[in-house]
Protein backbone atom coordinates (compact mmCIF):
# COMPACT_ATOMS: atom_id res chain seq x y z
CA UNK A 1 83.29 106.83 90.00
CA UNK A 2 83.96 108.46 86.37
CA UNK A 3 80.85 110.68 85.26
CA UNK A 4 80.00 109.64 81.35
CA UNK A 5 79.26 113.59 79.92
CA UNK A 6 82.08 115.20 82.27
CA UNK A 7 83.84 116.74 78.68
CA UNK A 8 80.28 117.89 76.92
CA UNK A 9 79.58 119.47 80.37
CA UNK A 10 82.54 121.28 80.86
CA UNK A 11 82.43 122.28 77.12
CA UNK A 12 78.72 123.66 77.37
CA UNK A 13 79.69 125.51 81.12
CA UNK A 14 82.21 127.14 79.14
CA UNK A 15 80.11 128.29 76.28
CA UNK A 16 77.55 129.91 78.47
CA UNK A 17 80.08 131.38 80.49
CA UNK A 18 82.25 132.87 77.51
CA UNK A 19 85.69 131.19 78.23
CA UNK A 20 87.87 128.75 76.85
CA UNK A 21 87.26 125.19 78.29
CA UNK A 22 90.47 124.25 78.93
CA UNK A 23 92.49 121.26 78.09
CA UNK A 24 92.61 118.78 81.10
CA UNK A 25 96.69 117.87 81.98
CA UNK A 26 100.16 119.15 83.45
CA UNK A 27 101.17 122.71 82.55
CA UNK A 28 103.53 122.16 79.63
CA UNK A 29 105.69 124.73 81.24
CA UNK A 30 106.50 122.75 84.28
CA UNK A 31 109.49 121.24 82.71
CA UNK A 32 109.44 117.72 82.54
CA UNK A 33 106.36 115.77 83.04
CA UNK A 34 105.69 113.26 85.98
CA UNK A 35 104.12 109.69 84.51
CA UNK A 36 101.86 107.84 87.49
CA UNK A 37 101.92 104.17 86.04
CA UNK A 38 100.13 101.35 87.76
CA UNK A 39 99.99 97.32 87.79
CA UNK A 40 100.73 94.30 88.94
CA UNK A 41 104.26 93.02 89.41
CA UNK A 42 105.24 90.58 87.47
CA UNK A 43 109.16 90.13 88.35
CA UNK A 44 111.70 92.58 89.88
CA UNK A 45 115.50 93.43 90.57
CA UNK A 46 117.32 95.83 91.27
CA UNK A 47 117.04 97.34 88.18
CA UNK A 48 114.04 96.49 86.06
CA UNK A 49 110.67 96.33 87.08
CA UNK A 50 108.07 94.08 85.02
CA UNK A 51 104.37 94.63 85.23
CA UNK A 52 100.93 93.68 83.88
CA UNK A 53 99.04 97.04 83.51
CA UNK A 54 95.52 97.02 83.84
CA UNK A 55 94.35 96.73 80.25
CA UNK A 56 96.50 93.56 80.45
CA UNK A 57 100.10 94.78 78.59
CA UNK A 58 103.16 93.74 79.94
CA UNK A 59 105.46 96.64 80.49
CA UNK A 60 109.45 96.49 81.27
CA UNK A 61 110.54 99.89 83.48
CA UNK A 62 113.82 100.16 84.46
CA UNK A 63 114.27 101.27 88.41
CA UNK A 64 116.46 104.63 88.63
CA UNK A 65 119.76 104.18 91.47
CA UNK A 66 117.86 106.74 93.56
CA UNK A 67 114.20 105.17 93.74
CA UNK A 68 112.99 104.37 96.80
CA UNK A 69 109.58 102.27 97.57
CA UNK A 70 106.86 101.85 100.28
CA UNK A 71 105.03 98.61 101.27
CA UNK A 72 103.74 99.60 104.97
CA UNK A 73 107.40 100.78 105.55
CA UNK A 74 109.95 101.84 103.17
CA UNK A 75 111.86 98.88 101.31
CA UNK A 76 114.23 98.24 98.65
CA UNK A 77 112.28 98.21 95.06
CA UNK A 78 113.65 94.91 94.82
CA UNK A 79 112.10 93.75 97.68
CA UNK A 80 108.76 94.16 96.51
CA UNK A 81 106.62 91.24 96.39
CA UNK A 82 105.40 89.54 93.26
CA UNK A 83 101.88 90.09 93.09
CA UNK A 84 101.80 93.92 94.56
CA UNK A 85 99.52 95.94 92.87
CA UNK A 86 101.50 99.56 92.46
CA UNK A 87 101.36 102.55 91.62
CA UNK A 88 104.46 104.24 90.15
CA UNK A 89 106.07 108.10 90.02
CA UNK A 90 107.98 107.35 86.61
CA UNK A 91 110.12 109.85 84.37
CA UNK A 92 111.14 109.96 80.66
CA UNK A 93 107.62 108.83 78.96
CA UNK A 94 107.32 106.58 82.15
CA UNK A 95 110.19 104.50 81.51
CA UNK A 96 112.37 105.11 84.42
CA UNK A 97 110.93 104.65 88.05
CA UNK A 98 111.75 106.90 91.14
CA UNK A 99 109.06 106.26 93.46
CA UNK A 100 106.85 103.19 94.29
CA UNK A 101 104.15 102.10 96.39
CA UNK A 102 102.84 98.81 96.61
CA UNK A 103 99.61 97.69 97.99
CA UNK A 104 98.74 101.56 99.20
CA UNK A 105 95.36 102.33 100.59
CA UNK A 106 93.53 104.98 102.33
CA UNK A 107 90.87 104.76 104.78
CA UNK A 108 89.23 108.17 104.96
CA UNK A 109 85.46 108.26 107.30
CA UNK A 110 83.25 109.00 110.14
CA UNK A 111 83.97 106.37 112.90
CA UNK A 112 80.58 103.68 113.41
CA UNK A 113 82.12 100.94 115.95
CA UNK A 114 85.73 100.00 117.31
CA UNK A 115 86.04 96.81 118.47
CA UNK A 116 88.92 94.01 119.77
CA UNK A 117 91.86 94.13 122.25
CA UNK A 118 94.78 94.31 120.63
CA UNK A 119 94.34 94.90 116.74
CA UNK A 120 91.15 96.74 116.86
CA UNK A 121 88.30 96.39 114.30
CA UNK A 122 87.17 99.66 112.94
CA UNK A 123 83.98 99.77 110.92
CA UNK A 124 83.99 103.56 108.99
CA UNK A 125 80.90 105.52 107.23
CA UNK A 126 83.10 106.16 103.86
CA UNK A 127 80.03 108.60 103.17
CA UNK A 128 77.10 107.98 100.50
CA UNK A 129 78.61 107.41 97.62
CA UNK A 130 81.88 104.86 99.25
CA UNK A 131 79.78 103.03 102.03
CA UNK A 132 80.81 101.36 104.76
CA UNK A 133 84.05 100.12 105.17
CA UNK A 134 85.97 97.59 107.60
CA UNK A 135 89.37 98.07 108.34
CA UNK A 136 92.32 97.06 110.85
CA UNK A 137 94.38 98.80 113.26
CA UNK A 138 97.60 96.43 114.08
CA UNK A 139 98.15 96.24 117.54
CA UNK A 140 101.74 97.63 117.01
CA UNK A 141 100.69 100.79 115.29
CA UNK A 142 97.48 101.56 117.47
CA UNK A 143 99.29 103.87 119.44
CA UNK A 144 100.94 105.92 116.97
CA UNK A 145 97.12 106.00 115.15
CA UNK A 146 95.31 107.45 118.48
CA UNK A 147 98.29 110.04 119.12
CA UNK A 148 96.89 111.67 116.29
CA UNK A 149 92.99 110.53 116.76
CA UNK A 150 92.55 111.16 120.32
CA UNK A 151 88.88 111.28 119.66
CA UNK A 152 88.74 107.47 118.88
CA UNK A 153 85.12 106.83 119.50
CA UNK A 154 81.83 106.93 117.13
CA UNK A 155 80.85 109.79 115.20
CA UNK A 156 84.12 110.93 115.03
CA UNK A 157 86.49 111.27 111.73
CA UNK A 158 89.29 109.20 110.95
CA UNK A 159 91.74 109.22 108.31
CA UNK A 160 94.49 106.56 107.75
CA UNK A 161 97.13 105.43 105.30
CA UNK A 162 97.78 101.55 105.09
CA UNK A 163 97.94 98.28 102.82
CA UNK A 164 95.18 96.17 101.08
CA UNK A 165 96.34 92.72 102.53
CA UNK A 166 94.76 89.25 101.76
CA UNK A 167 91.22 91.78 100.93
CA UNK A 168 91.68 93.55 104.30
CA UNK A 169 92.61 96.83 104.75
CA UNK A 170 95.24 97.73 107.44
CA UNK A 171 95.92 101.08 108.80
CA UNK A 172 99.14 101.65 109.34
CA UNK A 173 100.05 105.69 109.53
CA UNK A 174 97.91 108.49 110.49
CA UNK A 175 96.92 110.73 107.24
CA UNK A 176 96.25 113.79 109.56
CA UNK A 177 95.94 115.17 113.08
CA UNK A 178 91.63 114.38 113.65
CA UNK A 179 89.78 117.43 113.83
CA UNK A 180 88.46 117.75 117.46
CA UNK A 181 84.49 118.15 116.56
CA UNK A 182 82.26 115.59 115.63
CA UNK A 183 82.11 114.63 111.88
CA UNK A 184 78.44 116.35 111.76
CA UNK A 185 79.74 119.93 113.02
CA UNK A 186 82.04 121.60 110.35
CA UNK A 187 83.21 124.73 111.09
CA UNK A 188 81.73 127.42 108.66
CA UNK A 189 83.99 129.39 106.65
CA UNK A 190 85.03 133.01 107.67
CA UNK A 191 82.63 135.40 106.22
CA UNK A 192 85.10 137.60 104.19
CA UNK A 193 85.85 134.21 102.44
CA UNK A 194 82.11 134.25 100.75
CA UNK A 195 83.48 131.53 98.13
CA UNK A 196 84.15 134.78 95.87
CA UNK A 197 88.04 134.29 95.77
CA UNK A 198 89.65 133.66 92.11
CA UNK A 199 92.29 131.26 93.59
CA UNK A 200 91.53 129.08 96.99
CA UNK A 201 94.24 127.92 98.78
CA UNK A 202 94.22 125.01 101.17
CA UNK A 203 94.81 120.92 101.45
CA UNK A 204 94.74 118.33 98.51
CA UNK A 205 94.63 114.71 99.51
CA UNK A 206 94.11 112.00 97.42
CA UNK A 207 91.48 108.84 97.97
CA UNK A 208 92.03 105.36 96.42
CA UNK A 209 88.28 104.93 95.48
CA UNK A 210 88.47 106.50 92.35
CA UNK A 211 89.22 104.06 88.74
CA UNK A 212 92.86 102.88 88.48
CA UNK A 213 93.96 104.71 86.08
CA UNK A 214 91.79 108.15 86.49
CA UNK A 215 92.63 111.51 86.37
CA UNK A 216 89.66 113.45 88.14
CA UNK A 217 88.90 114.93 91.67
CA UNK A 218 86.37 114.89 94.13
CA UNK A 219 84.91 118.54 94.84
CA UNK A 220 83.29 119.18 98.38
CA UNK A 221 81.14 121.94 96.92
CA UNK A 222 78.62 120.96 93.91
CA UNK A 223 75.20 121.31 93.21
CA UNK A 224 72.82 118.98 95.38
CA UNK A 225 71.15 118.63 91.69
CA UNK A 226 73.98 117.76 90.38
CA UNK A 227 74.94 114.67 93.30
CA UNK A 228 71.67 114.22 94.88
CA UNK A 229 73.61 113.87 98.12
CA UNK A 230 72.25 115.29 101.08
CA UNK A 231 75.59 115.62 102.63
CA UNK A 232 77.19 117.69 99.76
CA UNK A 233 78.10 121.49 100.48
CA UNK A 234 80.22 121.69 103.74
CA UNK A 235 83.07 123.04 103.60
CA UNK A 236 85.21 125.59 105.91
CA UNK A 237 87.47 126.71 103.08
CA UNK A 238 85.02 128.97 101.66
CA UNK A 239 84.48 127.21 98.20
CA UNK A 240 82.40 128.31 95.41
CA UNK A 241 79.71 126.21 94.23
CA UNK A 242 80.85 124.12 91.27
CA UNK A 243 79.14 121.27 88.98
CA UNK A 244 80.63 117.52 87.72
CA UNK A 245 82.48 118.24 84.99
CA UNK A 246 83.95 121.54 86.23
CA UNK A 247 87.94 122.17 85.57
CA UNK A 248 90.13 122.92 88.22
CA UNK A 249 93.74 124.28 87.86
CA UNK A 250 95.48 122.54 90.73
CA UNK A 251 98.82 123.83 91.88
CA UNK A 252 101.06 121.91 94.29
CA UNK A 253 102.97 124.16 95.72
CA UNK A 254 105.39 121.88 97.25
CA UNK A 255 106.46 120.41 93.55
CA UNK A 256 105.70 123.43 91.90
CA UNK A 257 103.61 122.02 89.13
CA UNK A 258 100.04 122.57 88.06
CA UNK A 259 97.62 120.47 86.10
CA UNK A 260 94.10 120.95 84.80
CA UNK A 261 92.11 118.13 86.79
CA UNK A 262 87.91 116.99 85.87
CA UNK A 263 85.84 117.48 88.78
CA UNK A 264 84.43 113.51 88.54
CA UNK A 265 83.05 113.30 91.98
CA UNK A 266 81.35 113.90 94.96
CA UNK A 267 83.67 115.24 97.36
CA UNK A 268 81.71 115.66 100.58
CA UNK A 269 83.66 113.51 103.39
CA UNK A 270 87.05 115.50 102.72
CA UNK A 271 84.80 118.63 103.04
CA UNK A 272 84.32 117.77 106.21
CA UNK A 273 87.64 117.66 107.47
CA UNK A 274 88.77 121.44 108.30
CA UNK A 275 92.75 120.38 108.80
CA UNK A 276 95.81 121.84 107.34
CA UNK A 277 98.61 120.37 105.34
CA UNK A 278 102.06 120.99 106.67
CA UNK A 279 104.13 119.99 103.74
CA UNK A 280 106.09 122.71 103.07
CA UNK A 281 105.04 125.65 104.89
CA UNK A 282 101.34 125.23 106.38
CA UNK A 283 98.01 125.81 104.58
CA UNK A 284 94.85 127.26 105.55
CA UNK A 285 92.34 125.38 106.85
CA UNK A 286 90.20 122.90 104.80
CA UNK A 287 90.11 120.35 102.02
CA UNK A 288 89.38 122.40 98.52
CA UNK A 289 90.24 119.08 96.70
CA UNK A 290 90.75 115.22 96.78
CA UNK A 291 92.70 113.82 93.70
CA UNK A 292 92.53 110.70 92.29
CA UNK A 293 96.18 109.01 93.12
CA UNK A 294 96.88 109.16 89.22
CA UNK A 295 96.34 113.22 89.29
CA UNK A 296 98.40 113.73 92.98
CA UNK A 297 101.36 111.25 92.18
CA UNK A 298 101.50 113.28 88.48
CA UNK A 299 101.19 116.64 90.59
CA UNK A 300 104.15 115.48 92.81
CA UNK A 301 102.38 113.99 95.78
CA UNK A 302 103.54 111.35 97.82
CA UNK A 303 100.97 108.99 98.92
CA UNK A 304 102.51 108.25 101.92
CA UNK A 305 102.46 112.10 103.27
CA UNK A 306 98.75 112.08 102.54
CA UNK A 307 98.54 115.92 101.35
CA UNK A 308 100.00 118.72 99.95
CA UNK A 309 99.65 122.87 99.89
CA UNK A 310 97.93 123.67 97.13
CA UNK A 311 95.86 126.56 95.40
CA UNK A 312 92.83 126.03 93.12
CA UNK A 313 91.40 128.58 90.57
CA UNK A 314 88.91 127.47 87.75
CA UNK A 315 89.80 126.41 84.36
């Protein structure tokens, strides 16, 4: 999903606007940085985790005494199965792990079809950049998901968090309360917004469709010429138009952490959700940025909670 000329385009845009292009990464004034670490579990004990990183290196990480893990539900870190793909929040230069998410996936899109009597099979349109995806909702969690997705029928939006198992996606937790409108009927932003504020508040979410260790964001209001996407440009949050390569200052109101994150992808699906995040107060309506898992975790986000109350500005 990365864009080959992101850094060059950011420098050119900054030069044209007469401003500093900014440097991607966390705000150094936030205190001890959080590191995201990914890999496949080779061995695990109550105090030590050995992984193979995406580039094939073997790493030994200390599991903090207070560490927690999620693998479809909360589990002790030592009970995670060998072979799981994990994303971890780590401290002390990435050597001490305090939160582990194993085989975690997020399924976001528009419902195309639903079949099955107990376990349900759902086909989703995940947007022009991500294609179609088929997921399974196990019978034991279907009630919980349908309470938060009352319009469980084609044409409505769907967003759930789950795990990858045997090549299939299992949806286990609702990531949001389903918007009540059809996916194509996104409410217009309030007229007073006009996309002109220097800083905009709303919801930050994450998607697992980025490259594995990518730090970046998908943004709903990109120039059509930039993306070749007919669905771009929908948002109820009053966002300004930006170009691929723009640098966003993203602040997590919950963790009080900030980072400069490059826009690397089109967020046309995220822009169709006019929902709120209720982590640490209630955000204004609208998803203003969809982050890669690495960027989301390093800003203090919890993959299972699915969102944080955020503010963005231009870097």
